[in-house]
PDB file of N, CA and C in Angstrom:
ATOM      1  N   GLN A   1       6.808   8.977   8.828  1.00  0.00           N
ATOM      2  CA  GLN A   1       6.285   8.109   9.864  1.00  0.00           C
ATOM      3  C   GLN A   1       5.011   8.721  10.431  1.00  0.00           C
ATOM      4  N   VAL A   2       4.096   7.880  10.865  1.00  0.00           N
ATOM      5  CA  VAL A   2       2.821   8.336  11.394  1.00  0.00           C
ATOM      6  C   VAL A   2       2.529   7.614  12.701  1.00  0.00           C
ATOM      7  N   GLN A   3       1.941   8.316  13.630  1.00  0.00           N
ATOM      8  CA  GLN A   3       1.491   7.706  14.884  1.00  0.00           C
ATOM      9  C   GLN A   3      -0.025   7.689  14.897  1.00  0.00           C
ATOM     10  N   LEU A   4      -0.580   6.579  15.373  1.00  0.00           N
ATOM     11  CA  LEU A   4      -2.019   6.356  15.323  1.00  0.00           C
ATOM     12  C   LEU A   4      -2.561   6.135  16.731  1.00  0.00           C
ATOM     13  N   VAL A   5      -3.669   6.791  17.049  1.00  0.00           N
ATOM     14  CA  VAL A   5      -4.291   6.645  18.360  1.00  0.00           C
ATOM     15  C   VAL A   5      -5.784   6.384  18.171  1.00  0.00           C
ATOM     16  N   GLU A   6      -6.217   5.199  18.592  1.00  0.00           N
ATOM     17  CA  GLU A   6      -7.629   4.834  18.484  1.00  0.00           C
ATOM     18  C   GLU A   6      -8.404   5.287  19.716  1.00  0.00           C
ATOM     19  N   SER A   7      -9.691   5.504  19.533  1.00  0.00           N
ATOM     20  CA  SER A   7     -10.588   5.820  20.637  1.00  0.00           C
ATOM     21  C   SER A   7     -11.998   5.410  20.249  1.00  0.00           C
ATOM     22  N   GLY A   8     -12.892   5.384  21.234  1.00  0.00           N
ATOM     23  CA  GLY A   8     -14.289   5.108  20.962  1.00  0.00           C
ATOM     24  C   GLY A   8     -14.762   3.720  21.328  1.00  0.00           C
ATOM     25  N   GLY A   9     -13.856   2.870  21.780  1.00  0.00           N
ATOM     26  CA  GLY A   9     -14.267   1.535  22.176  1.00  0.00           C
ATOM     27  C   GLY A   9     -15.062   1.565  23.475  1.00  0.00           C
ATOM     28  N   GLY A  10     -15.636   0.420  23.820  1.00  0.00           N
ATOM     29  CA  GLY A  10     -16.399   0.336  25.055  1.00  0.00           C
ATOM     30  C   GLY A  10     -17.266  -0.899  25.091  1.00  0.00           C
ATOM     31  N   LEU A  11     -18.195  -0.884  26.036  1.00  0.00           N
ATOM     32  CA  LEU A  11     -19.133  -1.991  26.229  1.00  0.00           C
ATOM     33  C   LEU A  11     -20.493  -1.588  25.675  1.00  0.00           C
ATOM     34  N   VAL A  12     -21.070  -2.450  24.851  1.00  0.00           N
ATOM     35  CA  VAL A  12     -22.369  -2.162  24.243  1.00  0.00           C
ATOM     36  C   VAL A  12     -23.165  -3.460  24.170  1.00  0.00           C
ATOM     37  N   GLN A  13     -24.477  -3.342  24.220  1.00  0.00           N
ATOM     38  CA  GLN A  13     -25.331  -4.523  24.098  1.00  0.00           C
ATOM     39  C   GLN A  13     -25.466  -4.928  22.633  1.00  0.00           C
ATOM     40  N   ALA A  14     -25.740  -6.183  22.429  1.00  0.00           N
ATOM     41  CA  ALA A  14     -25.966  -6.682  21.074  1.00  0.00           C
ATOM     42  C   ALA A  14     -27.073  -5.866  20.401  1.00  0.00           C
ATOM     43  N   GLY A  15     -26.827  -5.530  19.144  1.00  0.00           N
ATOM     44  CA  GLY A  15     -27.760  -4.694  18.400  1.00  0.00           C
ATOM     45  C   GLY A  15     -27.439  -3.223  18.457  1.00  0.00           C
ATOM     46  N   GLY A  16     -26.527  -2.852  19.342  1.00  0.00           N
ATOM     47  CA  GLY A  16     -26.158  -1.466  19.506  1.00  0.00           C
ATOM     48  C   GLY A  16     -25.112  -1.010  18.509  1.00  0.00           C
ATOM     49  N   SER A  17     -24.653   0.231  18.707  1.00  0.00           N
ATOM     50  CA  SER A  17     -23.703   0.845  17.790  1.00  0.00           C
ATOM     51  C   SER A  17     -22.554   1.494  18.546  1.00  0.00           C
ATOM     52  N   LEU A  18     -21.421   1.576  17.873  1.00  0.00           N
ATOM     53  CA  LEU A  18     -20.263   2.318  18.358  1.00  0.00           C
ATOM     54  C   LEU A  18     -19.578   2.944  17.156  1.00  0.00           C
ATOM     55  N   ARG A  19     -18.903   4.059  17.393  1.00  0.00           N
ATOM     56  CA  ARG A  19     -18.058   4.640  16.354  1.00  0.00           C
ATOM     57  C   ARG A  19     -16.638   4.766  16.879  1.00  0.00           C
ATOM     58  N   LEU A  20     -15.743   4.084  16.206  1.00  0.00           N
ATOM     59  CA  LEU A  20     -14.332   4.175  16.540  1.00  0.00           C
ATOM     60  C   LEU A  20     -13.688   5.289  15.729  1.00  0.00           C
ATOM     61  N   SER A  21     -12.707   5.936  16.350  1.00  0.00           N
ATOM     62  CA  SER A  21     -11.928   6.958  15.664  1.00  0.00           C
ATOM     63  C   SER A  21     -10.455   6.604  15.762  1.00  0.00           C
ATOM     64  N   CYS A  22      -9.709   7.019  14.768  1.00  0.00           N
ATOM     65  CA  CYS A  22      -8.264   6.829  14.774  1.00  0.00           C
ATOM     66  C   CYS A  22      -7.636   8.143  14.310  1.00  0.00           C
ATOM     67  N   ALA A  23      -6.962   8.807  15.224  1.00  0.00           N
ATOM     68  CA  ALA A  23      -6.309  10.072  14.918  1.00  0.00           C
ATOM     69  C   ALA A  23      -4.855   9.831  14.555  1.00  0.00           C
ATOM     70  N   ALA A  24      -4.427  10.428  13.459  1.00  0.00           N
ATOM     71  CA  ALA A  24      -3.064  10.246  12.973  1.00  0.00           C
ATOM     72  C   ALA A  24      -2.260  11.531  13.119  1.00  0.00           C
ATOM     73  N   SER A  25      -1.001  11.368  13.466  1.00  0.00           N
ATOM     74  CA  SER A  25      -0.109  12.529  13.549  1.00  0.00           C
ATOM     75  C   SER A  25       0.443  12.843  12.167  1.00  0.00           C
ATOM     76  N   GLY A  26       1.053  13.986  12.036  1.00  0.00           N
ATOM     77  CA  GLY A  26       1.733  14.308  10.790  1.00  0.00           C
ATOM     78  C   GLY A  26       0.873  15.071   9.802  1.00  0.00           C
ATOM     79  N   ARG A  27       1.531  15.554   8.754  1.00  0.00           N
ATOM     80  CA  ARG A  27       0.861  16.398   7.772  1.00  0.00           C
ATOM     81  C   ARG A  27       0.590  15.683   6.463  1.00  0.00           C
ATOM     82  N   THR A  28       0.878  14.364   6.413  1.00  0.00           N
ATOM     83  CA  THR A  28       0.732  13.636   5.156  1.00  0.00           C
ATOM     84  C   THR A  28      -0.297  12.532   5.259  1.00  0.00           C
ATOM     85  N   PHE A  29      -1.312  12.743   6.079  1.00  0.00           N
ATOM     86  CA  PHE A  29      -2.325  11.705   6.308  1.00  0.00           C
ATOM     87  C   PHE A  29      -2.953  11.245   5.009  1.00  0.00           C
ATOM     88  N   SER A  30      -3.177  12.154   4.088  1.00  0.00           N
ATOM     89  CA  SER A  30      -3.825  11.802   2.828  1.00  0.00           C
ATOM     90  C   SER A  30      -2.952  10.917   1.943  1.00  0.00           C
ATOM     91  N   SER A  31      -1.708  10.693   2.340  1.00  0.00           N
ATOM     92  CA  SER A  31      -0.813   9.810   1.594  1.00  0.00           C
ATOM     93  C   SER A  31      -0.902   8.359   2.055  1.00  0.00           C
ATOM     94  N   TYR A  32      -1.716   8.105   3.080  1.00  0.00           N
ATOM     95  CA  TYR A  32      -1.789   6.776   3.669  1.00  0.00           C
ATOM     96  C   TYR A  32      -3.129   6.109   3.383  1.00  0.00           C
ATOM     97  N   ALA A  33      -3.092   4.892   2.892  1.00  0.00           N
ATOM     98  CA  ALA A  33      -4.274   4.052   2.946  1.00  0.00           C
ATOM     99  C   ALA A  33      -4.453   3.609   4.399  1.00  0.00           C
ATOM    100  N   MET A  34      -5.699   3.469   4.815  1.00  0.00           N
ATOM    101  CA  MET A  34      -5.985   3.147   6.211  1.00  0.00           C
ATOM    102  C   MET A  34      -6.815   1.879   6.303  1.00  0.00           C
ATOM    103  N   GLY A  35      -6.639   1.187   7.408  1.00  0.00           N
ATOM    104  CA  GLY A  35      -7.409  -0.029   7.618  1.00  0.00           C
ATOM    105  C   GLY A  35      -7.766  -0.207   9.077  1.00  0.00           C
ATOM    106  N   TRP A  36      -8.796  -0.993   9.299  1.00  0.00           N
ATOM    107  CA  TRP A  36      -9.157  -1.432  10.637  1.00  0.00           C
ATOM    108  C   TRP A  36      -9.045  -2.956  10.693  1.00  0.00           C
ATOM    109  N   PHE A  37      -8.443  -3.442  11.759  1.00  0.00           N
ATOM    110  CA  PHE A  37      -8.326  -4.867  12.027  1.00  0.00           C
ATOM    111  C   PHE A  37      -8.854  -5.125  13.438  1.00  0.00           C
ATOM    112  N   ARG A  38      -9.083  -6.383  13.747  1.00  0.00           N
ATOM    113  CA  ARG A  38      -9.487  -6.729  15.097  1.00  0.00           C
ATOM    114  C   ARG A  38      -8.867  -8.057  15.492  1.00  0.00           C
ATOM    115  N   GLN A  39      -8.743  -8.231  16.806  1.00  0.00           N
ATOM    116  CA  GLN A  39      -8.162  -9.466  17.333  1.00  0.00           C
ATOM    117  C   GLN A  39      -8.888  -9.858  18.604  1.00  0.00           C
ATOM    118  N   ALA A  40      -9.527 -11.019  18.561  1.00  0.00           N
ATOM    119  CA  ALA A  40     -10.179 -11.586  19.728  1.00  0.00           C
ATOM    120  C   ALA A  40      -9.200 -12.513  20.439  1.00  0.00           C
ATOM    121  N   PRO A  41      -9.393 -12.746  21.740  1.00  0.00           N
ATOM    122  CA  PRO A  41      -8.477 -13.622  22.485  1.00  0.00           C
ATOM    123  C   PRO A  41      -8.346 -14.986  21.829  1.00  0.00           C
ATOM    124  N   GLY A  42      -7.117 -15.413  21.638  1.00  0.00           N
ATOM    125  CA  GLY A  42      -6.864 -16.720  21.043  1.00  0.00           C
ATOM    126  C   GLY A  42      -6.948 -16.758  19.538  1.00  0.00           C
ATOM    127  N   ASN A  43      -7.294 -15.636  18.933  1.00  0.00           N
ATOM    128  CA  ASN A  43      -7.438 -15.581  17.474  1.00  0.00           C
ATOM    129  C   ASN A  43      -6.349 -14.726  16.848  1.00  0.00           C
ATOM    130  N   GLU A  44      -6.147 -14.919  15.565  1.00  0.00           N
ATOM    131  CA  GLU A  44      -5.230 -14.057  14.827  1.00  0.00           C
ATOM    132  C   GLU A  44      -5.904 -12.713  14.541  1.00  0.00           C
ATOM    133  N   ARG A  45      -5.075 -11.725  14.296  1.00  0.00           N
ATOM    134  CA  ARG A  45      -5.596 -10.413  13.916  1.00  0.00           C
ATOM    135  C   ARG A  45      -6.204 -10.523  12.527  1.00  0.00           C
ATOM    136  N   GLU A  46      -7.426 -10.012  12.380  1.00  0.00           N
ATOM    137  CA  GLU A  46      -8.135 -10.150  11.115  1.00  0.00           C
ATOM    138  C   GLU A  46      -8.571  -8.801  10.560  1.00  0.00           C
ATOM    139  N   PHE A  47      -8.631  -8.755   9.250  1.00  0.00           N
ATOM    140  CA  PHE A  47      -9.051  -7.556   8.535  1.00  0.00           C
ATOM    141  C   PHE A  47     -10.532  -7.285   8.776  1.00  0.00           C
ATOM    142  N   VAL A  48     -10.858  -5.996   8.958  1.00  0.00           N
ATOM    143  CA  VAL A  48     -12.245  -5.578   9.101  1.00  0.00           C
ATOM    144  C   VAL A  48     -12.663  -4.693   7.920  1.00  0.00           C
ATOM    145  N   ALA A  49     -11.887  -3.618   7.679  1.00  0.00           N
ATOM    146  CA  ALA A  49     -12.248  -2.682   6.613  1.00  0.00           C
ATOM    147  C   ALA A  49     -11.021  -1.898   6.187  1.00  0.00           C
ATOM    148  N   GLY A  50     -11.041  -1.437   4.931  1.00  0.00           N
ATOM    149  CA  GLY A  50      -9.955  -0.619   4.418  1.00  0.00           C
ATOM    150  C   GLY A  50     -10.501   0.527   3.594  1.00  0.00           C
ATOM    151  N   ILE A  51      -9.716   1.602   3.499  1.00  0.00           N
ATOM    152  CA  ILE A  51     -10.139   2.770   2.736  1.00  0.00           C
ATOM    153  C   ILE A  51      -8.935   3.354   2.023  1.00  0.00           C
ATOM    154  N   SER A  52      -9.167   3.813   0.802  1.00  0.00           N
ATOM    155  CA  SER A  52      -8.089   4.367   0.002  1.00  0.00           C
ATOM    156  C   SER A  52      -7.670   5.745   0.514  1.00  0.00           C
ATOM    157  N   ARG A  53      -6.606   6.267  -0.047  1.00  0.00           N
ATOM    158  CA  ARG A  53      -6.055   7.546   0.413  1.00  0.00           C
ATOM    159  C   ARG A  53      -7.045   8.684   0.258  1.00  0.00           C
ATOM    160  N   SER A  54      -7.798   8.685  -0.813  1.00  0.00           N
ATOM    161  CA  SER A  54      -8.769   9.758  -1.034  1.00  0.00           C
ATOM    162  C   SER A  54     -10.121   9.479  -0.391  1.00  0.00           C
ATOM    163  N   GLY A  55     -10.344   8.221  -0.016  1.00  0.00           N
ATOM    164  CA  GLY A  55     -11.624   7.840   0.564  1.00  0.00           C
ATOM    165  C   GLY A  55     -12.653   7.379  -0.441  1.00  0.00           C
ATOM    166  N   ASP A  56     -12.278   7.303  -1.727  1.00  0.00           N
ATOM    167  CA  ASP A  56     -13.268   6.957  -2.745  1.00  0.00           C
ATOM    168  C   ASP A  56     -13.404   5.458  -2.966  1.00  0.00           C
ATOM    169  N   SER A  57     -12.580   4.670  -2.284  1.00  0.00           N
ATOM    170  CA  SER A  57     -12.657   3.228  -2.420  1.00  0.00           C
ATOM    171  C   SER A  57     -12.559   2.589  -1.050  1.00  0.00           C
ATOM    172  N   THR A  58     -13.461   1.639  -0.784  1.00  0.00           N
ATOM    173  CA  THR A  58     -13.471   0.942   0.493  1.00  0.00           C
ATOM    174  C   THR A  58     -13.596  -0.561   0.257  1.00  0.00           C
ATOM    175  N   SER A  59     -13.229  -1.319   1.266  1.00  0.00           N
ATOM    176  CA  SER A  59     -13.415  -2.771   1.223  1.00  0.00           C
ATOM    177  C   SER A  59     -13.743  -3.250   2.627  1.00  0.00           C
ATOM    178  N   TYR A  60     -14.454  -4.380   2.700  1.00  0.00           N
ATOM    179  CA  TYR A  60     -14.920  -4.889   3.979  1.00  0.00           C
ATOM    180  C   TYR A  60     -14.774  -6.406   4.036  1.00  0.00           C
ATOM    181  N   ALA A  61     -14.566  -6.905   5.242  1.00  0.00           N
ATOM    182  CA  ALA A  61     -14.666  -8.338   5.473  1.00  0.00           C
ATOM    183  C   ALA A  61     -16.126  -8.748   5.329  1.00  0.00           C
ATOM    184  N   ASP A  62     -16.351  -9.941   4.863  1.00  0.00           N
ATOM    185  CA  ASP A  62     -17.718 -10.411   4.672  1.00  0.00           C
ATOM    186  C   ASP A  62     -18.513 -10.386   5.975  1.00  0.00           C
ATOM    187  N   SER A  63     -17.841 -10.618   7.078  1.00  0.00           N
ATOM    188  CA  SER A  63     -18.509 -10.713   8.372  1.00  0.00           C
ATOM    189  C   SER A  63     -19.087  -9.381   8.851  1.00  0.00           C
ATOM    190  N   VAL A  64     -18.622  -8.279   8.285  1.00  0.00           N
ATOM    191  CA  VAL A  64     -19.092  -6.957   8.741  1.00  0.00           C
ATOM    192  C   VAL A  64     -19.787  -6.174   7.640  1.00  0.00           C
ATOM    193  N   LYS A  65     -19.775  -6.688   6.425  1.00  0.00           N
ATOM    194  CA  LYS A  65     -20.364  -5.964   5.299  1.00  0.00           C
ATOM    195  C   LYS A  65     -21.835  -5.691   5.558  1.00  0.00           C
ATOM    196  N   GLY A  66     -22.244  -4.453   5.344  1.00  0.00           N
ATOM    197  CA  GLY A  66     -23.627  -4.061   5.586  1.00  0.00           C
ATOM    198  C   GLY A  66     -23.887  -3.581   6.999  1.00  0.00           C
ATOM    199  N   ARG A  67     -22.951  -3.810   7.902  1.00  0.00           N
ATOM    200  CA  ARG A  67     -23.115  -3.364   9.293  1.00  0.00           C
ATOM    201  C   ARG A  67     -22.098  -2.290   9.678  1.00  0.00           C
ATOM    202  N   PHE A  68     -20.905  -2.385   9.133  1.00  0.00           N
ATOM    203  CA  PHE A  68     -19.830  -1.443   9.468  1.00  0.00           C
ATOM    204  C   PHE A  68     -19.556  -0.528   8.275  1.00  0.00           C
ATOM    205  N   THR A  69     -19.139   0.705   8.571  1.00  0.00           N
ATOM    206  CA  THR A  69     -18.774   1.663   7.532  1.00  0.00           C
ATOM    207  C   THR A  69     -17.475   2.354   7.907  1.00  0.00           C
ATOM    208  N   ILE A  70     -16.511   2.291   7.007  1.00  0.00           N
ATOM    209  CA  ILE A  70     -15.254   3.002   7.212  1.00  0.00           C
ATOM    210  C   ILE A  70     -15.304   4.312   6.438  1.00  0.00           C
ATOM    211  N   SER A  71     -14.763   5.358   7.045  1.00  0.00           N
ATOM    212  CA  SER A  71     -14.706   6.660   6.381  1.00  0.00           C
ATOM    213  C   SER A  71     -13.485   7.401   6.897  1.00  0.00           C
ATOM    214  N   ARG A  72     -13.156   8.500   6.228  1.00  0.00           N
ATOM    215  CA  ARG A  72     -12.009   9.286   6.665  1.00  0.00           C
ATOM    216  C   ARG A  72     -12.261  10.760   6.412  1.00  0.00           C
ATOM    217  N   ASP A  73     -11.608  11.570   7.221  1.00  0.00           N
ATOM    218  CA  ASP A  73     -11.633  13.023   7.054  1.00  0.00           C
ATOM    219  C   ASP A  73     -10.178  13.457   6.991  1.00  0.00           C
ATOM    220  N   ASN A  74      -9.685  13.706   5.800  1.00  0.00           N
ATOM    221  CA  ASN A  74      -8.266  14.035   5.647  1.00  0.00           C
ATOM    222  C   ASN A  74      -7.933  15.403   6.245  1.00  0.00           C
ATOM    223  N   ALA A  75      -8.909  16.275   6.340  1.00  0.00           N
ATOM    224  CA  ALA A  75      -8.658  17.577   6.962  1.00  0.00           C
ATOM    225  C   ALA A  75      -8.440  17.445   8.462  1.00  0.00           C
ATOM    226  N   LYS A  76      -9.018  16.389   9.051  1.00  0.00           N
ATOM    227  CA  LYS A  76      -8.877  16.161  10.490  1.00  0.00           C
ATOM    228  C   LYS A  76      -7.898  15.047  10.817  1.00  0.00           C
ATOM    229  N   ASN A  77      -7.261  14.490   9.788  1.00  0.00           N
ATOM    230  CA  ASN A  77      -6.293  13.396  10.008  1.00  0.00           C
ATOM    231  C   ASN A  77      -6.924  12.249  10.791  1.00  0.00           C
ATOM    232  N   THR A  78      -8.137  11.898  10.453  1.00  0.00           N
ATOM    233  CA  THR A  78      -8.868  10.909  11.236  1.00  0.00           C
ATOM    234  C   THR A  78      -9.595   9.920  10.319  1.00  0.00           C
ATOM    235  N   VAL A  79      -9.560   8.660  10.721  1.00  0.00           N
ATOM    236  CA  VAL A  79     -10.351   7.627  10.062  1.00  0.00           C
ATOM    237  C   VAL A  79     -11.338   7.074  11.090  1.00  0.00           C
ATOM    238  N   TYR A  80     -12.515   6.707  10.602  1.00  0.00           N
ATOM    239  CA  TYR A  80     -13.596   6.269  11.481  1.00  0.00           C
ATOM    240  C   TYR A  80     -14.052   4.857  11.096  1.00  0.00           C
ATOM    241  N   LEU A  81     -14.631   4.183  12.071  1.00  0.00           N
ATOM    242  CA  LEU A  81     -15.308   2.925  11.812  1.00  0.00           C
ATOM    243  C   LEU A  81     -16.650   2.975  12.542  1.00  0.00           C
ATOM    244  N   GLN A  82     -17.713   3.164  11.786  1.00  0.00           N
ATOM    245  CA  GLN A  82     -19.055   3.141  12.340  1.00  0.00           C
ATOM    246  C   GLN A  82     -19.531   1.697  12.378  1.00  0.00           C
ATOM    247  N   MET A  83     -19.882   1.225  13.559  1.00  0.00           N
ATOM    248  CA  MET A  83     -20.271  -0.172  13.738  1.00  0.00           C
ATOM    249  C   MET A  83     -21.716  -0.215  14.224  1.00  0.00           C
ATOM    250  N   ASN A  84     -22.586  -0.777  13.418  1.00  0.00           N
ATOM    251  CA  ASN A  84     -24.003  -0.916  13.752  1.00  0.00           C
ATOM    252  C   ASN A  84     -24.367  -2.389  13.875  1.00  0.00           C
ATOM    253  N   SER A  85     -25.510  -2.639  14.480  1.00  0.00           N
ATOM    254  CA  SER A  85     -26.013  -4.016  14.642  1.00  0.00           C
ATOM    255  C   SER A  85     -24.931  -4.929  15.197  1.00  0.00           C
ATOM    256  N   LEU A  86     -24.296  -4.488  16.244  1.00  0.00           N
ATOM    257  CA  LEU A  86     -23.167  -5.238  16.797  1.00  0.00           C
ATOM    258  C   LEU A  86     -23.614  -6.584  17.358  1.00  0.00           C
ATOM    259  N   LYS A  87     -22.729  -7.555  17.223  1.00  0.00           N
ATOM    260  CA  LYS A  87     -22.971  -8.917  17.696  1.00  0.00           C
ATOM    261  C   LYS A  87     -21.898  -9.286  18.715  1.00  0.00           C
ATOM    262  N   PRO A  88     -22.188 -10.242  19.588  1.00  0.00           N
ATOM    263  CA  PRO A  88     -21.165 -10.677  20.551  1.00  0.00           C
ATOM    264  C   PRO A  88     -19.871 -11.118  19.867  1.00  0.00           C
ATOM    265  N   GLU A  89     -19.972 -11.679  18.689  1.00  0.00           N
ATOM    266  CA  GLU A  89     -18.765 -12.135  17.988  1.00  0.00           C
ATOM    267  C   GLU A  89     -17.928 -10.982  17.435  1.00  0.00           C
ATOM    268  N   ASP A  90     -18.417  -9.753  17.549  1.00  0.00           N
ATOM    269  CA  ASP A  90     -17.617  -8.588  17.179  1.00  0.00           C
ATOM    270  C   ASP A  90     -16.677  -8.173  18.312  1.00  0.00           C
ATOM    271  N   THR A  91     -16.810  -8.796  19.463  1.00  0.00           N
ATOM    272  CA  THR A  91     -15.961  -8.476  20.608  1.00  0.00           C
ATOM    273  C   THR A  91     -14.495  -8.746  20.271  1.00  0.00           C
ATOM    274  N   ALA A  92     -13.662  -7.735  20.445  1.00  0.00           N
ATOM    275  CA  ALA A  92     -12.246  -7.846  20.101  1.00  0.00           C
ATOM    276  C   ALA A  92     -11.552  -6.531  20.441  1.00  0.00           C
ATOM    277  N   VAL A  93     -10.235  -6.552  20.360  1.00  0.00           N
ATOM    278  CA  VAL A  93      -9.472  -5.300  20.343  1.00  0.00           C
ATOM    279  C   VAL A  93      -9.394  -4.861  18.888  1.00  0.00           C
ATOM    280  N   TYR A  94      -9.749  -3.625  18.639  1.00  0.00           N
ATOM    281  CA  TYR A  94      -9.762  -3.080  17.276  1.00  0.00           C
ATOM    282  C   TYR A  94      -8.537  -2.187  17.083  1.00  0.00           C
ATOM    283  N   TYR A  95      -7.849  -2.433  15.971  1.00  0.00           N
ATOM    284  CA  TYR A  95      -6.625  -1.712  15.662  1.00  0.00           C
ATOM    285  C   TYR A  95      -6.776  -0.921  14.364  1.00  0.00           C
ATOM    286  N   CYS A  96      -6.213   0.260  14.389  1.00  0.00           N
ATOM    287  CA  CYS A  96      -6.108   1.100  13.209  1.00  0.00           C
ATOM    288  C   CYS A  96      -4.729   0.857  12.587  1.00  0.00           C
ATOM    289  N   ALA A  97      -4.664   0.872  11.261  1.00  0.00           N
ATOM    290  CA  ALA A  97      -3.404   0.643  10.578  1.00  0.00           C
ATOM    291  C   ALA A  97      -3.267   1.584   9.386  1.00  0.00           C
ATOM    292  N   ALA A  98      -2.013   1.888   9.034  1.00  0.00           N
ATOM    293  CA  ALA A  98      -1.742   2.815   7.932  1.00  0.00           C
ATOM    294  C   ALA A  98      -0.626   2.289   7.050  1.00  0.00           C
ATOM    295  N   GLU A  99      -0.762   2.531   5.763  1.00  0.00           N
ATOM    296  CA  GLU A  99       0.275   2.150   4.816  1.00  0.00           C
ATOM    297  C   GLU A  99       0.491   3.304   3.846  1.00  0.00           C
ATOM    298  N   PRO A 100       1.726   3.834   3.775  1.00  0.00           N
ATOM    299  CA  PRO A 100       1.977   4.930   2.841  1.00  0.00           C
ATOM    300  C   PRO A 100       1.818   4.483   1.394  1.00  0.00           C
ATOM    301  N   TRP A 101       1.080   5.282   0.640  1.00  0.00           N
ATOM    302  CA  TRP A 101       0.859   5.050  -0.784  1.00  0.00           C
ATOM    303  C   TRP A 101       0.177   3.710  -1.066  1.00  0.00           C
ATOM    304  N   GLY A 102      -0.559   3.184  -0.066  1.00  0.00           N
ATOM    305  CA  GLY A 102      -1.311   1.949  -0.278  1.00  0.00           C
ATOM    306  C   GLY A 102      -2.676   2.240  -0.882  1.00  0.00           C
ATOM    307  N   ASP A 103      -3.516   1.182  -0.937  1.00  0.00           N
ATOM    308  CA  ASP A 103      -4.888   1.374  -1.401  1.00  0.00           C
ATOM    309  C   ASP A 103      -5.823   0.580  -0.497  1.00  0.00           C
ATOM    310  N   SER A 104      -7.093   0.546  -0.843  1.00  0.00           N
ATOM    311  CA  SER A 104      -8.091  -0.062   0.045  1.00  0.00           C
ATOM    312  C   SER A 104      -8.090  -1.581  -0.019  1.00  0.00           C
ATOM    313  N   ARG A 105      -7.264  -2.145  -0.911  1.00  0.00           N
ATOM    314  CA  ARG A 105      -7.335  -3.594  -1.117  1.00  0.00           C
ATOM    315  C   ARG A 105      -6.490  -4.400  -0.135  1.00  0.00           C
ATOM    316  N   GLY A 106      -5.693  -3.728   0.663  1.00  0.00           N
ATOM    317  CA  GLY A 106      -4.850  -4.446   1.609  1.00  0.00           C
ATOM    318  C   GLY A 106      -5.677  -5.109   2.690  1.00  0.00           C
ATOM    319  N   ARG A 107      -5.613  -6.435   2.779  1.00  0.00           N
ATOM    320  CA  ARG A 107      -6.416  -7.200   3.734  1.00  0.00           C
ATOM    321  C   ARG A 107      -5.573  -8.034   4.672  1.00  0.00           C
ATOM    322  N   ASN A 108      -4.282  -7.889   4.590  1.00  0.00           N
ATOM    323  CA  ASN A 108      -3.392  -8.654   5.451  1.00  0.00           C
ATOM    324  C   ASN A 108      -2.596  -7.704   6.337  1.00  0.00           C
ATOM    325  N   THR A 109      -2.194  -8.232   7.506  1.00  0.00           N
ATOM    326  CA  THR A 109      -1.443  -7.373   8.421  1.00  0.00           C
ATOM    327  C   THR A 109      -0.144  -6.881   7.791  1.00  0.00           C
ATOM    328  N   TYR A 110       0.442  -7.682   6.910  1.00  0.00           N
ATOM    329  CA  TYR A 110       1.706  -7.272   6.294  1.00  0.00           C
ATOM    330  C   TYR A 110       1.527  -6.202   5.218  1.00  0.00           C
ATOM    331  N   ASP A 111       0.293  -5.856   4.904  1.00  0.00           N
ATOM    332  CA  ASP A 111       0.027  -4.776   3.950  1.00  0.00           C
ATOM    333  C   ASP A 111       0.132  -3.403   4.605  1.00  0.00           C
ATOM    334  N   TYR A 112       0.282  -3.363   5.925  1.00  0.00           N
ATOM    335  CA  TYR A 112       0.299  -2.099   6.655  1.00  0.00           C
ATOM    336  C   TYR A 112       1.560  -1.992   7.498  1.00  0.00           C
ATOM    337  N   SER A 113       2.167  -0.805   7.498  1.00  0.00           N
ATOM    338  CA  SER A 113       3.442  -0.596   8.182  1.00  0.00           C
ATOM    339  C   SER A 113       3.293   0.009   9.569  1.00  0.00           C
ATOM    340  N   TYR A 114       2.187   0.715   9.816  1.00  0.00           N
ATOM    341  CA  TYR A 114       2.023   1.424  11.077  1.00  0.00           C
ATOM    342  C   TYR A 114       0.717   1.001  11.749  1.00  0.00           C
ATOM    343  N   TRP A 115       0.806   0.900  13.081  1.00  0.00           N
ATOM    344  CA  TRP A 115      -0.320   0.392  13.856  1.00  0.00           C
ATOM    345  C   TRP A 115      -0.554   1.235  15.098  1.00  0.00           C
ATOM    346  N   GLY A 116      -1.824   1.348  15.478  1.00  0.00           N
ATOM    347  CA  GLY A 116      -2.161   1.949  16.751  1.00  0.00           C
ATOM    348  C   GLY A 116      -2.083   0.929  17.869  1.00  0.00           C
ATOM    349  N   GLN A 117      -2.423   1.378  19.078  1.00  0.00           N
ATOM    350  CA  GLN A 117      -2.294   0.514  20.253  1.00  0.00           C
ATOM    351  C   GLN A 117      -3.547  -0.324  20.493  1.00  0.00           C
ATOM    352  N   GLY A 118      -4.634   0.014  19.816  1.00  0.00           N
ATOM    353  CA  GLY A 118      -5.859  -0.768  19.924  1.00  0.00           C
ATOM    354  C   GLY A 118      -6.845  -0.199  20.924  1.00  0.00           C
ATOM    355  N   THR A 119      -8.113  -0.493  20.695  1.00  0.00           N
ATOM    356  CA  THR A 119      -9.175  -0.113  21.603  1.00  0.00           C
ATOM    357  C   THR A 119     -10.140  -1.289  21.749  1.00  0.00           C
ATOM    358  N   GLN A 120     -10.547  -1.559  22.974  1.00  0.00           N
ATOM    359  CA  GLN A 120     -11.373  -2.730  23.257  1.00  0.00           C
ATOM    360  C   GLN A 120     -12.841  -2.460  22.937  1.00  0.00           C
ATOM    361  N   VAL A 121     -13.441  -3.378  22.226  1.00  0.00           N
ATOM    362  CA  VAL A 121     -14.885  -3.363  21.973  1.00  0.00           C
ATOM    363  C   VAL A 121     -15.467  -4.643  22.544  1.00  0.00           C
ATOM    364  N   THR A 122     -16.434  -4.512  23.428  1.00  0.00           N
ATOM    365  CA  THR A 122     -17.086  -5.663  24.037  1.00  0.00           C
ATOM    366  C   THR A 122     -18.586  -5.575  23.790  1.00  0.00           C
ATOM    367  N   VAL A 123     -19.133  -6.613  23.186  1.00  0.00           N
ATOM    368  CA  VAL A 123     -20.560  -6.654  22.877  1.00  0.00           C
ATOM    369  C   VAL A 123     -21.192  -7.739  23.739  1.00  0.00           C
ATOM    370  N   SER A 124     -22.112  -7.347  24.598  1.00  0.00           N
ATOM    371  CA  SER A 124     -22.772  -8.311  25.479  1.00  0.00           C
ATOM    372  C   SER A 124     -24.057  -8.824  24.842  1.00  0.00           C
ATOM    373  N   SER A 125     -24.376 -10.063  25.159  1.00  0.00           N
ATOM    374  CA  SER A 125     -25.572 -10.693  24.580  1.00  0.00           C
ATOM    375  C   SER A 125     -26.800 -10.445  25.445  1.00  0.00           C
TER     376      SER A 125
END
């Protein structure tokens, strides 16, 4: 089992940048595929980005491709989401997710077994 804690959210102007971090407990972090999802008020939780256990494979939602970058540091048990050129429509609670022995292709909430509590990202126009 793994526990996930997100950080790095906040308020930023359109065009700005933020870097989210997700720290995982345990000694088997490299056994988990990781993902970032987001949920805006009134909307379903949606996939943002995923990364394989080794970090050599990533996937992105079309809406963030070219602006967001997912990465991981297995030595630090941490996954990151670098968000550039932020838009007001990126405003949401961002969640980190983990799936043991998964890969970067998981794009649905049911592809992940463990979730963090979320961090709020607000982009003002």
